[in-house]
Amino acid sequence: MVRAMKFKPDLEITAEPYQRILHEIKKRKKQLLVTIFQISKRSVTSQAVYRQLRRTIRHLRNK
């Protein structure tokens, strides 16, 4: 039990950069979803923009 408590701060320090990266990915994904919703709501005839946004979301999801 004492050893587990001893290493907990080390684990938190190690995990911090990964948590920041995960937070950034989630934030960007949310922004892209809002953008896609706005584009689809306006019925944009150009599907190229929509396709590129979908590709970006897939790319972020697969990271």
Protein backbone atom coordinates (compact mmCIF):
# COMPACT_ATOMS: atom_id res chain seq x y z
CA MET A 1 0.00 0.00 0.00
CA VAL A 2 2.80 2.40 0.88
CA ARG A 3 4.58 1.71 -2.41
CA ALA A 4 1.42 2.39 -4.41
CA MET A 5 0.96 5.74 -2.66
CA LYS A 6 4.60 6.57 -3.24
CA PHE A 7 4.35 6.17 -7.03
CA LYS A 8 0.99 7.92 -7.50
CA PRO A 9 2.50 11.43 -7.91
CA ASP A 10 4.95 10.04 -10.49
CA LEU A 11 2.08 8.52 -12.46
CA GLU A 12 0.14 11.79 -12.38
CA ILE A 13 3.17 13.72 -13.64
CA THR A 14 3.73 11.17 -16.41
CA ALA A 15 0.07 11.16 -17.49
CA GLU A 16 -0.30 14.96 -17.61
CA PRO A 17 1.00 15.52 -21.18
CA TYR A 18 -1.21 12.72 -22.50
CA GLN A 19 -4.23 14.20 -20.75
CA ARG A 20 -3.52 17.57 -22.37
CA ILE A 21 -3.25 15.93 -25.80
CA LEU A 22 -6.50 14.04 -25.26
CA HIS A 23 -8.24 17.24 -24.15
CA GLU A 24 -6.98 19.06 -27.27
CA ILE A 25 -8.21 16.26 -29.56
CA LYS A 26 -11.63 16.30 -27.92
CA LYS A 27 -11.81 20.09 -28.22
CA ARG A 28 -10.92 20.02 -31.94
CA LYS A 29 -13.35 17.19 -32.60
CA LYS A 30 -16.14 19.18 -30.96
CA GLN A 31 -15.28 22.26 -33.05
CA LEU A 32 -15.32 20.17 -36.23
CA LEU A 33 -18.67 18.63 -35.36
CA VAL A 34 -20.15 22.09 -34.80
CA THR A 35 -18.73 23.25 -38.13
CA ILE A 36 -20.14 20.20 -39.94
CA PHE A 37 -23.53 20.78 -38.37
CA GLN A 38 -23.50 24.42 -39.49
CA ILE A 39 -22.49 23.46 -43.04
CA SER A 40 -25.09 20.72 -43.34
CA LYS A 41 -27.72 23.04 -41.89
CA ARG A 42 -27.04 25.59 -44.63
CA SER A 43 -27.28 22.86 -47.30
CA VAL A 44 -23.98 23.77 -48.87
CA THR A 45 -23.82 22.42 -52.41
CA SER A 46 -20.07 21.96 -52.33
CA GLN A 47 -19.42 18.54 -50.80
CA ALA A 48 -15.63 18.98 -50.91
CA VAL A 49 -15.60 20.98 -47.67
CA TYR A 50 -17.83 18.46 -45.96
CA ARG A 51 -15.68 15.53 -47.12
CA GLN A 52 -12.51 17.21 -45.89
CA LEU A 53 -14.03 17.80 -42.46
CA ARG A 54 -15.14 14.17 -42.24
CA ARG A 55 -11.61 13.03 -43.15
CA THR A 56 -10.17 15.26 -40.44
CA ILE A 57 -12.54 13.84 -37.85
CA ARG A 58 -11.64 10.29 -38.89
CA HIS A 59 -7.97 11.20 -38.65
CA LEU A 60 -8.41 12.63 -35.13
CA ARG A 61 -10.44 9.62 -34.06
CA ASN A 62 -7.74 7.20 -35.24
CA LYS A 63 -4.89 8.95 -33.42
